[in-house]
């Protein structure tokens, strides 16, 4: 037991010493120490992130990218959202047009309830990938969560323009029109939804509280 404690202390010290070296700008030595920490535990997210930061500071962008990607994946596996955000942010800083990194970071932020920050990321995905329906939905849903209903409406209308036969877009429009107090368009979107929706799409909405508001407002039962 004692030996393990001593080793744990050594391991901790390697990471801590590496971080101190990194802060003082000695990236080569810091990187070597992060490597030592990673030899002992290859899934040490802190050491992976540290090594990636050092690689970036030394201008080794490919190494930095692969370190950030690895850290992001392991952080996702472990449910360590803060580290995942740090890794994805590193990827974005090196390659600002990587829309998948924005999309992933947006998902993490949305899951954490940080909708305002998620909005920025999903807006960037949509800007980089104009026909990314998934990102449009997430952007619209993030606006809806923070009661920015006019912006949510415009986003769902953009989905409708891209894919006119998508019943989910109509469901989102109905919820948003209701939130805006626009009764006529709530009904219109709901009627269109009924024309388009399959049984499974209706089932998916069963536990959606905002959808239930639409149904009870219109006196419909699903």
Protein backbone atom coordinates (compact mmCIF):
# COMPACT_ATOMS: atom_id res chain seq x y z
CA UNK A 1 0.00 0.00 0.00
CA UNK A 2 2.79 2.41 0.93
CA UNK A 3 4.61 1.85 -2.34
CA UNK A 4 1.45 2.70 -4.26
CA UNK A 5 1.07 5.90 -2.25
CA UNK A 6 4.66 6.87 -3.00
CA UNK A 7 4.18 6.11 -6.71
CA UNK A 8 0.93 8.08 -6.78
CA UNK A 9 2.81 10.98 -5.26
CA UNK A 10 5.58 10.71 -7.86
CA UNK A 11 2.98 10.59 -10.65
CA UNK A 12 1.22 13.64 -9.28
CA UNK A 13 4.55 15.42 -8.98
CA UNK A 14 5.46 14.68 -12.61
CA UNK A 15 2.22 16.34 -13.76
CA UNK A 16 2.60 19.23 -11.34
CA UNK A 17 6.25 19.78 -12.21
CA UNK A 18 5.36 19.66 -15.90
CA UNK A 19 2.70 22.32 -15.40
CA UNK A 20 5.13 24.55 -13.49
CA UNK A 21 7.67 24.19 -16.33
CA UNK A 22 4.95 24.95 -18.88
CA UNK A 23 3.94 28.11 -16.99
CA UNK A 24 7.56 29.27 -16.91
CA UNK A 25 7.75 28.82 -20.70
CA UNK A 26 10.05 25.80 -20.68
CA UNK A 27 7.85 23.84 -23.10
CA UNK A 28 10.45 21.22 -24.11
CA UNK A 29 11.07 20.13 -20.51
CA UNK A 30 7.35 20.38 -19.68
CA UNK A 31 6.55 18.17 -22.65
CA UNK A 32 9.11 15.57 -21.50
CA UNK A 33 7.53 15.52 -18.02
CA UNK A 34 4.01 15.24 -19.44
CA UNK A 35 5.30 12.24 -21.43
CA UNK A 36 6.52 10.66 -18.20
CA UNK A 37 3.10 11.15 -16.64
CA UNK A 38 1.47 9.61 -19.74
CA UNK A 39 3.77 6.58 -19.66
CA UNK A 40 2.40 5.86 -16.18
CA UNK A 41 -1.23 6.54 -17.10
CA UNK A 42 -1.92 6.96 -20.84
CA UNK A 43 -5.46 8.26 -20.22
CA UNK A 44 -4.37 11.18 -18.02
CA UNK A 45 -6.40 13.99 -19.57
CA UNK A 46 -4.49 16.75 -17.78
CA UNK A 47 -1.19 15.47 -19.15
CA UNK A 48 -2.62 15.04 -22.68
CA UNK A 49 -3.93 18.61 -22.64
CA UNK A 50 -0.65 19.91 -21.23
CA UNK A 51 1.37 18.10 -23.87
CA UNK A 52 -0.92 19.46 -26.61
CA UNK A 53 -0.52 23.02 -25.26
CA UNK A 54 3.28 22.64 -25.24
CA UNK A 55 3.29 21.24 -28.79
CA UNK A 56 1.25 24.21 -29.91
CA UNK A 57 3.59 26.66 -28.15
CA UNK A 58 6.51 24.98 -29.95
CA UNK A 59 4.75 25.33 -33.30
CA UNK A 60 4.13 21.58 -33.67
CA UNK A 61 0.54 21.97 -34.79
CA UNK A 62 -0.07 18.39 -35.96
CA UNK A 63 1.10 17.01 -32.60
CA UNK A 64 -1.04 19.56 -30.79
CA UNK A 65 -4.10 18.59 -32.86
CA UNK A 66 -3.70 14.87 -32.26
CA UNK A 67 -3.21 15.50 -28.52
CA UNK A 68 -6.35 17.64 -28.32
CA UNK A 69 -8.36 15.06 -30.31
CA UNK A 70 -7.21 12.27 -28.02
CA UNK A 71 -7.96 14.31 -24.89
CA UNK A 72 -11.39 15.22 -26.23
CA UNK A 73 -12.27 11.57 -26.88
CA UNK A 74 -11.08 10.35 -23.45
CA UNK A 75 -12.80 13.27 -21.69
CA UNK A 76 -16.05 12.39 -23.51
CA UNK A 77 -15.68 8.74 -22.40
CA UNK A 78 -15.15 9.81 -18.80
CA UNK A 79 -17.91 12.43 -18.82
CA UNK A 80 -15.34 15.13 -17.94
CA UNK A 81 -17.08 18.02 -19.71
CA UNK A 82 -14.74 20.82 -18.66
CA UNK A 83 -11.72 18.97 -20.08
CA UNK A 84 -13.67 18.11 -23.22
CA UNK A 85 -14.46 21.79 -23.73
CA UNK A 86 -10.79 22.68 -23.17
CA UNK A 87 -9.70 20.10 -25.78
CA UNK A 88 -12.30 21.17 -28.36
CA UNK A 89 -11.37 24.82 -27.78
CA UNK A 90 -7.75 23.89 -28.48
CA UNK A 91 -8.77 22.27 -31.78
CA UNK A 92 -10.83 25.34 -32.74
CA UNK A 93 -7.94 27.71 -31.94
CA UNK A 94 -5.61 25.76 -34.25
CA UNK A 95 -8.16 25.19 -37.03
CA UNK A 96 -10.90 27.83 -36.72
CA UNK A 97 -12.99 26.30 -39.52
CA UNK A 98 -13.39 22.82 -38.02
CA UNK A 99 -17.17 22.84 -37.80
CA UNK A 100 -17.25 19.38 -36.16
CA UNK A 101 -15.35 20.78 -33.16
CA UNK A 102 -17.85 23.65 -32.84
CA UNK A 103 -20.71 21.15 -33.12
CA UNK A 104 -19.25 18.89 -30.42
CA UNK A 105 -18.50 21.79 -28.09
CA UNK A 106 -22.01 23.14 -28.67
CA UNK A 107 -23.44 19.74 -27.70
CA UNK A 108 -21.43 19.65 -24.47
CA UNK A 109 -22.43 23.22 -23.55
CA UNK A 110 -26.09 22.50 -24.37
CA UNK A 111 -25.95 19.39 -22.16
CA UNK A 112 -24.54 21.53 -19.34
CA UNK A 113 -27.39 24.02 -19.74
CA UNK A 114 -25.06 26.75 -21.04
CA UNK A 115 -27.41 27.65 -23.87
CA UNK A 116 -26.01 31.13 -24.62
CA UNK A 117 -22.56 29.69 -25.26
CA UNK A 118 -24.07 26.79 -27.22
CA UNK A 119 -25.85 29.33 -29.47
CA UNK A 120 -22.50 30.83 -30.51
CA UNK A 121 -21.11 27.41 -31.45
CA UNK A 122 -24.18 26.18 -33.35
CA UNK A 123 -24.40 29.52 -35.18
CA UNK A 124 -20.80 28.99 -36.29
CA UNK A 125 -21.58 25.46 -37.54
CA UNK A 126 -24.49 26.80 -39.59
CA UNK A 127 -22.28 29.56 -40.97
CA UNK A 128 -19.61 27.01 -42.04
CA UNK A 129 -22.01 24.30 -43.20
CA UNK A 130 -25.12 25.96 -44.61
CA UNK A 131 -27.23 22.81 -44.95
CA UNK A 132 -26.46 21.18 -41.61
CA UNK A 133 -30.01 20.46 -40.41
CA UNK A 134 -28.87 18.99 -37.11
CA UNK A 135 -27.07 22.21 -36.23
CA UNK A 136 -30.06 24.35 -37.24
CA UNK A 137 -32.28 22.34 -34.88
CA UNK A 138 -29.80 22.66 -32.03
CA UNK A 139 -29.45 26.38 -32.68
CA UNK A 140 -33.24 26.83 -32.73
CA UNK A 141 -33.64 24.75 -29.57
CA UNK A 142 -30.95 26.78 -27.78
CA UNK A 143 -32.73 30.03 -28.70
CA UNK A 144 -36.00 28.51 -27.48
CA UNK A 145 -34.41 27.49 -24.14
CA UNK A 146 -33.41 31.10 -23.40
CA UNK A 147 -36.79 32.47 -24.60
CA UNK A 148 -35.34 34.17 -27.69
CA UNK A 149 -38.43 33.07 -29.58
CA UNK A 150 -38.13 35.35 -32.62
CA UNK A 151 -34.65 34.01 -33.34
CA UNK A 152 -35.85 30.45 -32.71
CA UNK A 153 -38.65 31.06 -35.20
CA UNK A 154 -36.28 32.33 -37.90
CA UNK A 155 -34.04 29.29 -37.37
CA UNK A 156 -36.91 26.80 -37.66
CA UNK A 157 -38.15 28.64 -40.77
CA UNK A 158 -34.69 28.16 -42.28
CA UNK A 159 -35.06 24.40 -41.68
CA UNK A 160 -38.45 24.47 -43.37
CA UNK A 161 -36.85 26.13 -46.42
CA UNK A 162 -34.13 23.47 -46.59
CA UNK A 163 -36.48 20.54 -46.02
CA UNK A 164 -40.12 21.39 -46.58
CA UNK A 165 -41.42 17.90 -45.77
CA UNK A 166 -39.85 17.67 -42.30
CA UNK A 167 -42.61 17.24 -39.68
CA UNK A 168 -40.22 18.07 -36.81
CA UNK A 169 -39.74 21.56 -38.24
CA UNK A 170 -43.52 22.05 -38.13
CA UNK A 171 -43.65 20.83 -34.52
CA UNK A 172 -40.91 23.31 -33.56
CA UNK A 173 -42.69 26.10 -35.43
CA UNK A 174 -45.98 25.31 -33.65
CA UNK A 175 -44.26 25.43 -30.23
CA UNK A 176 -42.55 28.71 -31.07
CA UNK A 177 -45.66 30.39 -32.50
CA UNK A 178 -47.51 29.41 -29.33
CA UNK A 179 -44.72 30.87 -27.17
CA UNK A 180 -45.09 34.10 -29.20
CA UNK A 181 -48.87 34.06 -28.74
CA UNK A 182 -49.54 33.69 -32.48
CA UNK A 183 -52.60 31.41 -32.43
CA UNK A 184 -53.32 31.33 -36.15
CA UNK A 185 -49.82 30.17 -37.11
CA UNK A 186 -49.70 27.69 -34.22
CA UNK A 187 -52.74 25.99 -35.74
CA UNK A 188 -51.32 26.22 -39.26
CA UNK A 189 -48.01 24.60 -38.28
CA UNK A 190 -49.83 21.92 -36.30
CA UNK A 191 -52.10 21.06 -39.26
CA UNK A 192 -49.05 20.79 -41.51
CA UNK A 193 -47.37 18.58 -38.89
CA UNK A 194 -50.40 16.25 -38.88
CA UNK A 195 -50.18 15.88 -42.66
CA UNK A 196 -46.48 14.99 -42.55
CA UNK A 197 -45.85 13.15 -39.29
CA UNK A 198 -45.53 9.41 -38.99
CA UNK A 199 -46.65 7.54 -35.89
CA UNK A 200 -43.04 7.27 -34.65
CA UNK A 201 -42.50 11.04 -34.96
CA UNK A 202 -45.61 11.62 -32.85
CA UNK A 203 -44.34 9.16 -30.27
CA UNK A 204 -41.01 10.99 -30.07
CA UNK A 205 -42.85 14.15 -29.02
CA UNK A 206 -44.88 12.43 -26.31
CA UNK A 207 -42.65 13.60 -23.45
CA UNK A 208 -42.08 17.10 -24.79
CA UNK A 209 -43.78 19.50 -22.35
CA UNK A 210 -43.90 22.36 -24.88
CA UNK A 211 -45.54 20.10 -27.45
CA UNK A 212 -48.15 19.09 -24.87
CA UNK A 213 -48.92 22.81 -24.43
CA UNK A 214 -49.59 23.04 -28.19
CA UNK A 215 -51.94 20.05 -28.06
CA UNK A 216 -53.91 21.28 -25.08
CA UNK A 217 -54.09 24.79 -26.56
CA UNK A 218 -55.57 23.36 -29.76
CA UNK A 219 -57.74 20.87 -27.87
CA UNK A 220 -56.04 17.97 -29.65
CA UNK A 221 -55.14 14.61 -28.14
CA UNK A 222 -52.37 12.53 -29.64
